[in-house]
Amino acid sequence: MPMSNDDRIDELRAEGVELVAGSVTDPAGVTRAKYVPLRRLGDFQRSGMGVSPSWSVFCVDSGIAFTPTIGVDGDLRIRIDPADTRIIDTGVAWAPGNLTDQAGDVVPLCLRSLLAKSEQAAAGRGLTVQVGAELECTMLAPDGGPASVEPWSPYGIRTSLDRSALLVDLAATAERAGLMIEQIHTEYGHDQLEVSLAPTTPVAAADAVILARIVLGRVAARHGLRISFAPVPFEGAAGNGAHLHLSLTDKQGPLFSGGEGPHGIRPAGGSAIAGVIDTLPDLIGVYAGSALSALRLKPGNWAGAAACWGLENREAAVRFIAATPGSPHGANVELKLIDPSANPYLAAAAFLSSALRGIDRELELPAEIPQNPAQSATVPPPLPTGQRAALDAIESSTVAAELLTPEVVEALLAVRRYELDTYGDRPPAETTQALRLAWSC
């Protein structure tokens, strides 16, 4: 029997919770929340907490990009499920919210519900979907500058043990919050961390990304640090990715293994990969469309800036992971070019929907690029990685409107074109400083 709201209140109160936050993440990739006293947990589910429709066109720097359909009038609600509440800080619990109208119906710009529809579309095709996420982030000093000045050793035991108190706190806090972390390590970039999350269903995976960002931010604060999820936090520094992994299974088994194609890929799996690659020019503005994204999406950065796929190829947009003893979750594909400025619900919906589109159209798997695309005899076509080009591509794309809806495309373009107008002509050093904490939780 499901737990009643009163029982959940009693359970949370026993854990010291006094406030409950419900959040939504907007098209600009920023997570915003409202809070209620614990005793109003049931109201957060039944009535929701009021927000302006302009929440869907808030920009990274607190600007508002009004559209012909979103202005100063109207009212929406954030509604949460009390069963989803997780403890994120002393006295505070959190749950992901859906954006609804006052009658309780989901509105077109509820991106969490858009992902749920993609998940349901896969189920309607007889497919089981698993999504896993990797989050890269950069530790900062309280003033937003570098967290350390000593030499950095990527993946080094010294650099990780120097932060062992933070890492232990992170593991314990994540466990308490029900966040399934599979791996933590110090990354290539100076003061950079990466956290890998366990695969789960698509909506739950995107929820976990938001929860992980919150947990990372709270833990860092306890250790006198801040966390940046900017695609590039400092000019010339290593970029932060937000990679998503996708696996698909039907009644015959996994689509990415057990077949006769390259690395065991079955025909439907090949079509799924082809669908993702086919839509990359249309959807790059979803995956990496912010004012800082292009600074990361460059050859040589292992950011997946090439529209191709390859086995364990970290320069390809789609990295294929085969079913081997070294892959405990089985074969999957990783979309590498996603960065943390992307809304994880929207990015996951685009990723999954493009794979389903490829299956529906029975697209042919392109030839594999097994080495650095820049050195390949077959050079993949360039992607529109610049912000203006990426936004122009999604604006003119019938595929984007088909997979994401015209309403979502309109809101995304509004907030990203605001960024382009505001920051497009500024020097990179100025833009990275201005937006370093824009996506932090």
Protein backbone atom coordinates (compact mmCIF):
# COMPACT_ATOMS: atom_id res chain seq x y z
CA MET A 1 0.00 0.00 0.00
CA PRO A 2 1.41 3.45 -0.91
CA MET A 3 2.48 5.59 2.02
CA SER A 4 0.03 8.34 2.95
CA ASN A 5 1.11 11.97 2.96
CA ASP A 6 0.71 12.10 6.73
CA ASP A 7 2.97 9.07 7.13
CA ARG A 8 5.54 10.65 4.82
CA ILE A 9 5.40 13.86 6.83
CA ASP A 10 6.01 11.91 10.03
CA GLU A 11 8.89 10.05 8.40
CA LEU A 12 10.54 13.24 7.15
CA ARG A 13 9.99 15.03 10.46
CA ALA A 14 11.75 12.16 12.23
CA GLU A 15 14.71 12.90 9.94
CA GLY A 16 14.69 16.56 11.01
CA VAL A 17 13.07 17.94 7.86
CA GLU A 18 11.23 21.26 8.23
CA LEU A 19 11.11 22.55 4.62
CA VAL A 20 10.26 20.86 1.31
CA ALA A 21 11.47 22.20 -2.04
CA GLY A 22 9.87 21.41 -5.38
CA SER A 23 11.82 22.34 -8.48
CA VAL A 24 11.55 22.60 -12.23
CA THR A 25 14.43 23.09 -14.66
CA ASP A 26 13.80 25.64 -17.37
CA PRO A 27 14.82 25.66 -21.06
CA ALA A 28 17.93 27.68 -20.17
CA GLY A 29 19.03 24.75 -18.00
CA VAL A 30 18.59 26.54 -14.67
CA THR A 31 16.82 24.75 -11.81
CA ARG A 32 14.37 26.91 -9.85
CA ALA A 33 12.34 25.99 -6.77
CA LYS A 34 9.66 26.93 -4.29
CA TYR A 35 9.58 25.83 -0.65
CA VAL A 36 6.81 25.01 1.80
CA PRO A 37 6.82 24.05 5.48
CA LEU A 38 6.74 20.28 5.88
CA ARG A 39 3.13 20.31 7.12
CA ARG A 40 2.06 21.55 3.63
CA LEU A 41 3.59 18.60 1.79
CA GLY A 42 0.16 17.37 0.74
CA ASP A 43 -0.78 20.81 -0.63
CA PHE A 44 2.35 20.72 -2.82
CA GLN A 45 0.84 17.65 -4.45
CA ARG A 46 -2.85 18.55 -4.53
CA SER A 47 -2.81 22.27 -5.35
CA GLY A 48 0.78 22.92 -6.28
CA MET A 49 2.71 26.13 -5.74
CA GLY A 50 2.08 29.06 -8.05
CA VAL A 51 4.62 30.25 -10.60
CA SER A 52 4.42 32.69 -13.46
CA PRO A 53 4.48 31.28 -17.01
CA SER A 54 7.58 33.46 -17.42
CA TRP A 55 9.50 30.80 -15.47
CA SER A 56 9.77 29.01 -18.82
CA VAL A 57 11.59 31.95 -20.40
CA PHE A 58 13.80 33.01 -17.50
CA CYS A 59 17.36 33.41 -18.72
CA VAL A 60 20.70 32.44 -17.23
CA ASP A 61 21.33 35.92 -15.81
CA SER A 62 17.81 36.66 -14.50
CA GLY A 63 16.64 38.29 -17.72
CA ILE A 64 13.24 37.33 -19.13
CA ALA A 65 12.82 36.54 -22.83
CA PHE A 66 9.10 37.10 -23.34
CA THR A 67 7.59 35.49 -26.42
CA PRO A 68 4.33 36.11 -28.34
CA THR A 69 2.70 33.43 -26.18
CA ILE A 70 4.40 34.03 -22.80
CA GLY A 71 3.93 37.40 -21.12
CA VAL A 72 3.09 38.87 -17.73
CA ASP A 73 -0.33 37.25 -17.39
CA GLY A 74 -1.38 33.78 -16.31
CA ASP A 75 -0.43 31.39 -13.54
CA LEU A 76 0.94 27.85 -13.38
CA ARG A 77 1.65 25.36 -10.63
CA ILE A 78 4.59 23.19 -9.60
CA ARG A 79 3.26 19.88 -8.34
CA ILE A 80 5.37 17.19 -6.68
CA ASP A 81 4.83 13.62 -5.58
CA PRO A 82 5.60 13.27 -1.84
CA ALA A 83 6.98 9.80 -2.54
CA ASP A 84 9.77 11.46 -4.57
CA THR A 85 11.07 13.60 -1.69
CA ARG A 86 14.77 13.22 -0.83
CA ILE A 87 16.74 14.85 1.98
CA ILE A 88 19.25 17.25 0.45
CA ASP A 89 20.46 19.36 3.38
CA THR A 90 19.95 19.83 7.09
CA GLY A 91 16.21 20.27 7.56
CA VAL A 92 15.44 20.36 3.82
CA ALA A 93 13.89 17.77 1.50
CA TRP A 94 13.47 18.10 -2.26
CA ALA A 95 11.36 16.59 -5.01
CA PRO A 96 11.28 17.12 -8.78
CA GLY A 97 8.14 18.87 -9.95
CA ASN A 98 5.84 18.86 -12.94
CA LEU A 99 4.60 22.12 -14.37
CA THR A 100 0.80 22.18 -14.65
CA ASP A 101 -2.06 24.59 -15.11
CA GLN A 102 -4.37 25.41 -12.23
CA ALA A 103 -6.62 22.47 -13.08
CA GLY A 104 -3.70 20.11 -12.69
CA ASP A 105 -3.14 19.37 -16.37
CA VAL A 106 0.43 19.27 -17.62
CA VAL A 107 1.36 22.30 -19.73
CA PRO A 108 3.31 22.11 -23.02
CA LEU A 109 6.45 23.57 -21.43
CA CYS A 110 6.71 20.92 -18.71
CA LEU A 111 9.95 19.37 -19.93
CA ARG A 112 9.83 16.57 -17.37
CA SER A 113 6.48 15.51 -18.83
CA LEU A 114 7.89 15.76 -22.35
CA LEU A 115 10.53 13.19 -21.37
CA ALA A 116 7.82 11.01 -19.80
CA LYS A 117 5.98 11.04 -23.14
CA SER A 118 9.15 9.91 -24.91
CA GLU A 119 9.51 7.12 -22.36
CA GLN A 120 5.89 6.11 -22.98
CA ALA A 121 6.46 6.21 -26.75
CA ALA A 122 9.31 3.74 -26.35
CA ALA A 123 7.15 1.48 -24.21
CA GLY A 124 4.45 1.61 -26.88
CA ARG A 125 7.00 0.18 -29.31
CA GLY A 126 7.79 -2.65 -26.92
CA LEU A 127 11.08 -1.12 -25.79
CA THR A 128 12.55 -0.90 -22.32
CA VAL A 129 14.80 2.12 -21.91
CA GLN A 130 17.67 2.73 -19.51
CA VAL A 131 19.52 6.04 -19.27
CA GLY A 132 22.69 6.73 -17.31
CA ALA A 133 24.40 10.05 -16.72
CA GLU A 134 27.89 11.36 -16.11
CA LEU A 135 28.34 14.82 -14.62
CA GLU A 136 31.53 16.81 -14.88
CA CYS A 137 31.93 19.90 -12.74
CA THR A 138 34.62 22.27 -11.49
CA MET A 139 35.35 23.11 -7.87
CA LEU A 140 35.70 26.84 -7.17
CA ALA A 141 36.83 29.04 -4.32
CA PRO A 142 34.07 30.96 -2.47
CA ASP A 143 34.79 34.05 -4.61
CA GLY A 144 34.27 32.06 -7.83
CA GLY A 145 37.97 31.82 -8.62
CA PRO A 146 40.08 28.64 -8.86
CA ALA A 147 39.73 26.31 -5.88
CA SER A 148 43.45 25.56 -5.83
CA VAL A 149 46.67 26.82 -7.39
CA GLU A 150 49.01 23.86 -6.92
CA PRO A 151 49.77 21.61 -9.90
CA TRP A 152 46.92 19.30 -10.84
CA SER A 153 47.35 15.61 -11.58
CA PRO A 154 44.42 14.32 -13.69
CA TYR A 155 42.92 11.23 -12.06
CA GLY A 156 45.77 11.46 -9.56
CA ILE A 157 45.67 9.84 -6.17
CA ARG A 158 47.11 13.01 -4.64
CA THR A 159 44.51 15.32 -6.15
CA SER A 160 41.69 13.04 -5.05
CA LEU A 161 43.02 12.38 -1.53
CA ASP A 162 43.57 16.10 -1.06
CA ARG A 163 39.76 16.32 -1.35
CA SER A 164 39.01 13.04 0.45
CA ALA A 165 36.87 14.71 3.14
CA LEU A 166 34.67 16.23 0.44
CA LEU A 167 34.46 12.96 -1.50
CA VAL A 168 33.53 10.95 1.59
CA ASP A 169 30.88 13.55 2.48
CA LEU A 170 29.60 13.38 -1.10
CA ALA A 171 29.26 9.61 -0.98
CA ALA A 172 27.47 9.69 2.38
CA THR A 173 25.14 12.55 1.44
CA ALA A 174 24.25 10.89 -1.85
CA GLU A 175 23.48 7.64 -0.06
CA ARG A 176 21.18 9.43 2.37
CA ALA A 177 19.41 11.15 -0.53
CA GLY A 178 18.93 7.89 -2.40
CA LEU A 179 21.25 9.02 -5.19
CA MET A 180 22.92 6.00 -6.76
CA ILE A 181 26.52 7.04 -7.47
CA GLU A 182 28.59 4.42 -9.25
CA GLN A 183 31.93 6.22 -9.52
CA ILE A 184 33.66 9.43 -8.45
CA HIS A 185 37.03 10.67 -9.69
CA THR A 186 39.08 13.78 -10.21
CA GLU A 187 39.08 14.59 -13.91
CA TYR A 188 41.51 15.98 -16.48
CA GLY A 189 40.71 19.64 -15.87
CA HIS A 190 42.14 21.57 -12.94
CA ASP A 191 39.87 21.13 -9.87
CA GLN A 192 37.47 19.06 -11.96
CA LEU A 193 35.32 16.20 -10.65
CA GLU A 194 33.23 13.61 -12.45
CA VAL A 195 30.35 11.64 -10.94
CA SER A 196 28.78 8.66 -12.72
CA LEU A 197 25.20 7.74 -11.87
CA ALA A 198 23.54 4.34 -12.09
CA PRO A 199 21.32 3.75 -15.14
CA THR A 200 17.57 3.85 -14.60
CA THR A 201 14.42 4.83 -16.45
CA PRO A 202 14.63 8.12 -18.42
CA VAL A 203 12.63 10.44 -16.13
CA ALA A 204 14.28 8.99 -13.03
CA ALA A 205 17.69 9.46 -14.68
CA ALA A 206 17.05 13.15 -15.37
CA ASP A 207 15.71 13.58 -11.82
CA ALA A 208 18.96 12.03 -10.58
CA VAL A 209 21.01 14.55 -12.57
CA ILE A 210 19.25 17.43 -10.81
CA LEU A 211 19.59 15.71 -7.44
CA ALA A 212 23.30 15.13 -8.07
CA ARG A 213 23.84 18.80 -8.90
CA ILE A 214 22.07 19.80 -5.69
CA VAL A 215 24.04 17.31 -3.58
CA LEU A 216 27.35 18.36 -5.13
CA GLY A 217 26.58 22.01 -4.44
CA ARG A 218 25.55 21.43 -0.82
CA VAL A 219 28.53 19.20 -0.05
CA ALA A 220 30.97 21.65 -1.62
CA ALA A 221 29.52 24.50 0.45
CA ARG A 222 30.19 22.54 3.64
CA HIS A 223 33.84 22.34 2.61
CA GLY A 224 34.26 26.00 1.77
CA LEU A 225 33.91 25.53 -2.00
CA ARG A 226 31.48 26.19 -4.80
CA ILE A 227 30.65 24.05 -7.84
CA SER A 228 30.48 25.22 -11.45
CA PHE A 229 28.51 23.33 -14.07
CA ALA A 230 29.44 25.79 -16.79
CA PRO A 231 30.42 24.13 -20.09
CA VAL A 232 33.71 26.02 -19.77
CA PRO A 233 34.30 27.72 -16.40
CA PHE A 234 37.50 29.58 -17.32
CA GLU A 235 38.75 30.65 -20.73
CA GLY A 236 41.17 28.02 -22.00
CA ALA A 237 40.26 25.53 -19.26
CA ALA A 238 38.92 22.02 -19.76
CA GLY A 239 35.20 21.89 -20.41
CA ASN A 240 32.48 20.15 -18.41
CA GLY A 241 30.32 17.54 -20.12
CA ALA A 242 26.98 16.06 -19.10
CA HIS A 243 27.10 12.81 -21.06
CA LEU A 244 24.03 10.58 -21.33
CA HIS A 245 24.12 6.83 -21.96
CA LEU A 246 21.21 5.01 -23.61
CA SER A 247 20.35 1.33 -23.83
CA LEU A 248 17.27 -0.18 -25.48
CA THR A 249 15.80 -3.66 -25.07
CA ASP A 250 12.90 -5.42 -26.79
CA LYS A 251 11.42 -8.87 -26.26
CA GLN A 252 14.34 -10.42 -28.18
CA GLY A 253 16.90 -8.72 -25.94
CA PRO A 254 19.25 -5.72 -26.12
CA LEU A 255 19.30 -3.75 -29.38
CA PHE A 256 23.00 -2.97 -29.09
CA SER A 257 24.27 -6.53 -28.63
CA GLY A 258 23.52 -10.10 -29.69
CA GLY A 259 23.19 -9.27 -33.37
CA GLU A 260 25.30 -9.72 -36.46
CA GLY A 261 26.18 -6.08 -37.05
CA PRO A 262 29.36 -4.32 -35.96
CA HIS A 263 30.16 -5.15 -32.33
CA GLY A 264 26.96 -7.21 -32.14
CA ILE A 265 24.59 -4.34 -32.96
CA ARG A 266 21.16 -5.54 -34.11
CA PRO A 267 19.44 -3.83 -37.08
CA ALA A 268 17.08 -1.84 -34.85
CA GLY A 269 20.03 -0.78 -32.70
CA GLY A 270 21.86 0.41 -35.79
CA SER A 271 18.81 2.41 -36.82
CA ALA A 272 18.65 3.97 -33.33
CA ILE A 273 22.27 5.12 -33.59
CA ALA A 274 21.63 6.39 -37.11
CA GLY A 275 18.63 8.35 -35.84
CA VAL A 276 20.71 10.08 -33.19
CA ILE A 277 23.45 11.02 -35.68
CA ASP A 278 20.93 12.08 -38.32
CA THR A 279 19.33 14.65 -36.00
CA LEU A 280 22.53 16.05 -34.45
CA PRO A 281 22.60 19.18 -36.69
CA ASP A 282 18.96 19.89 -35.79
CA LEU A 283 19.28 19.25 -32.05
CA ILE A 284 22.76 20.50 -31.14
CA GLY A 285 21.06 23.65 -29.87
CA VAL A 286 19.32 21.41 -27.30
CA TYR A 287 22.44 19.52 -26.27
CA ALA A 288 24.96 22.37 -26.34
CA GLY A 289 23.26 25.63 -27.24
CA SER A 290 24.39 28.07 -24.55
CA ALA A 291 26.68 31.07 -24.84
CA LEU A 292 29.57 28.93 -23.49
CA SER A 293 28.91 25.65 -25.29
CA ALA A 294 30.98 26.37 -28.40
CA LEU A 295 34.09 26.94 -26.28
CA ARG A 296 33.94 23.26 -25.33
CA LEU A 297 32.82 21.75 -28.64
CA LYS A 298 36.17 21.73 -30.40
CA PRO A 299 38.22 18.91 -31.93
CA GLY A 300 40.75 17.54 -29.48
CA ASN A 301 38.62 18.28 -26.40
CA TRP A 302 37.05 14.78 -26.24
CA ALA A 303 33.71 16.59 -26.35
CA GLY A 304 32.20 14.61 -29.23
CA ALA A 305 32.18 17.45 -31.72
CA ALA A 306 32.11 15.12 -34.76
CA ALA A 307 28.83 13.77 -36.16
CA CYS A 308 29.80 10.11 -36.19
CA TRP A 309 30.00 7.00 -34.02
CA GLY A 310 32.78 4.64 -33.02
CA LEU A 311 33.67 1.97 -30.49
CA GLU A 312 35.06 3.76 -27.42
CA ASN A 313 35.78 6.78 -29.64
CA ARG A 314 35.86 9.82 -27.36
CA GLU A 315 36.05 12.31 -30.23
CA ALA A 316 32.84 10.97 -31.80
CA ALA A 317 29.49 12.47 -30.83
CA VAL A 318 28.19 8.93 -30.26
CA ARG A 319 30.59 6.68 -28.38
CA PHE A 320 29.65 3.01 -28.53
CA ILE A 321 30.25 0.79 -25.50
CA ALA A 322 30.11 -2.90 -26.39
CA ALA A 323 28.73 -5.73 -24.26
CA THR A 324 31.87 -7.05 -22.56
CA PRO A 325 32.83 -8.12 -19.02
CA GLY A 326 34.11 -4.55 -18.59
CA SER A 327 30.61 -3.14 -19.19
CA PRO A 328 28.45 -4.42 -16.32
CA HIS A 329 25.30 -2.73 -17.64
CA GLY A 330 25.71 -4.15 -21.14
CA ALA A 331 26.07 -2.43 -24.49
CA ASN A 332 24.97 1.20 -24.71
CA VAL A 333 25.59 4.40 -26.62
CA GLU A 334 26.90 7.57 -25.03
CA LEU A 335 26.04 11.01 -26.40
CA LYS A 336 29.16 12.95 -25.54
CA LEU A 337 28.42 16.44 -26.81
CA ILE A 338 25.80 17.26 -24.15
CA ASP A 339 27.03 19.84 -21.64
CA PRO A 340 25.59 20.95 -18.25
CA SER A 341 23.92 24.05 -19.70
CA ALA A 342 21.39 21.71 -21.33
CA ASN A 343 18.17 20.91 -19.55
CA PRO A 344 18.65 17.19 -18.74
CA TYR A 345 14.98 16.37 -19.29
CA LEU A 346 14.98 18.05 -22.70
CA ALA A 347 18.34 16.55 -23.69
CA ALA A 348 17.22 13.05 -22.70
CA ALA A 349 13.93 13.50 -24.57
CA ALA A 350 15.76 14.63 -27.71
CA PHE A 351 18.26 11.75 -27.43
CA LEU A 352 15.61 9.07 -26.94
CA SER A 353 13.16 10.51 -29.46
CA SER A 354 15.82 10.74 -32.16
CA ALA A 355 16.74 7.10 -31.54
CA LEU A 356 13.07 6.08 -31.84
CA ARG A 357 12.76 8.12 -35.03
CA GLY A 358 15.70 6.24 -36.49
CA ILE A 359 14.06 2.90 -35.61
CA ASP A 360 10.71 3.96 -37.09
CA ARG A 361 12.41 5.01 -40.33
CA GLU A 362 14.70 1.98 -40.39
CA LEU A 363 17.68 4.25 -41.00
CA GLU A 364 20.91 2.55 -42.00
CA LEU A 365 23.78 2.58 -39.53
CA PRO A 366 26.52 4.86 -40.92
CA ALA A 367 30.03 3.53 -41.35
CA GLU A 368 31.95 3.48 -38.10
CA ILE A 369 34.75 6.00 -37.54
CA PRO A 370 37.15 3.94 -35.41
CA GLN A 371 39.78 6.61 -34.90
CA ASN A 372 40.09 10.37 -34.42
CA PRO A 373 37.59 11.84 -36.92
CA ALA A 374 40.04 14.61 -37.78
CA GLN A 375 42.47 11.95 -39.03
CA SER A 376 39.91 9.72 -40.72
CA ALA A 377 39.83 9.13 -44.46
CA THR A 378 36.08 9.80 -44.19
CA VAL A 379 35.67 13.15 -42.48
CA PRO A 380 32.22 13.58 -40.89
CA PRO A 381 30.24 16.66 -41.95
CA PRO A 382 30.77 19.61 -39.59
CA LEU A 383 28.21 20.35 -36.92
CA PRO A 384 26.84 23.88 -36.35
CA THR A 385 28.68 24.28 -33.05
CA GLY A 386 28.58 28.07 -32.89
CA GLN A 387 25.64 29.36 -30.90
CA ARG A 388 24.12 31.41 -33.72
CA ALA A 389 24.43 28.53 -36.18
CA ALA A 390 23.03 26.03 -33.68
CA LEU A 391 20.00 28.23 -32.99
CA ASP A 392 19.38 28.92 -36.66
CA ALA A 393 19.47 25.17 -37.27
CA ILE A 394 16.89 24.34 -34.63
CA GLU A 395 14.66 27.24 -35.67
CA SER A 396 14.50 25.98 -39.27
CA SER A 397 14.21 22.31 -38.30
CA THR A 398 10.96 20.44 -38.83
CA VAL A 399 12.51 17.52 -36.94
CA ALA A 400 13.02 19.61 -33.78
CA ALA A 401 9.41 20.78 -33.85
CA GLU A 402 8.25 17.20 -34.46
CA LEU A 403 10.24 15.66 -31.62
CA LEU A 404 10.10 18.49 -29.06
CA THR A 405 6.93 20.44 -30.01
CA PRO A 406 6.82 23.99 -31.42
CA GLU A 407 6.13 25.45 -27.94
CA VAL A 408 9.34 24.02 -26.50
CA VAL A 409 11.38 25.13 -29.51
CA GLU A 410 9.99 28.67 -29.21
CA ALA A 411 10.91 28.93 -25.52
CA LEU A 412 14.36 27.43 -26.03
CA LEU A 413 15.11 29.82 -28.88
CA ALA A 414 13.91 32.79 -26.84
CA VAL A 415 16.25 32.18 -23.91
CA ARG A 416 19.24 31.18 -26.04
CA ARG A 417 18.87 34.12 -28.43
CA TYR A 418 18.77 36.37 -25.38
CA GLU A 419 22.15 34.86 -24.43
CA LEU A 420 23.44 35.42 -27.93
CA ASP A 421 22.34 39.06 -27.93
CA THR A 422 23.73 39.67 -24.44
CA TYR A 423 27.01 37.74 -24.56
CA GLY A 424 27.67 36.94 -28.21
CA ASP A 425 30.11 39.80 -28.79
CA ARG A 426 31.86 39.67 -25.43
CA PRO A 427 35.37 38.22 -25.00
CA PRO A 428 35.34 34.59 -23.80
CA ALA A 429 37.05 35.51 -20.52
CA GLU A 430 34.26 37.96 -19.72
CA THR A 431 31.49 35.51 -20.64
CA THR A 432 32.97 32.63 -18.65
CA GLN A 433 33.23 34.87 -15.60
CA ALA A 434 29.66 36.14 -16.00
CA LEU A 435 28.14 32.66 -16.42
CA ARG A 436 30.46 30.54 -14.28
CA LEU A 437 27.76 29.86 -11.68
CA ALA A 438 24.69 30.18 -13.92
CA TRP A 439 23.86 26.45 -13.82
CA SER A 440 24.95 25.73 -10.25
CA CYS A 441 22.46 24.32 -7.75
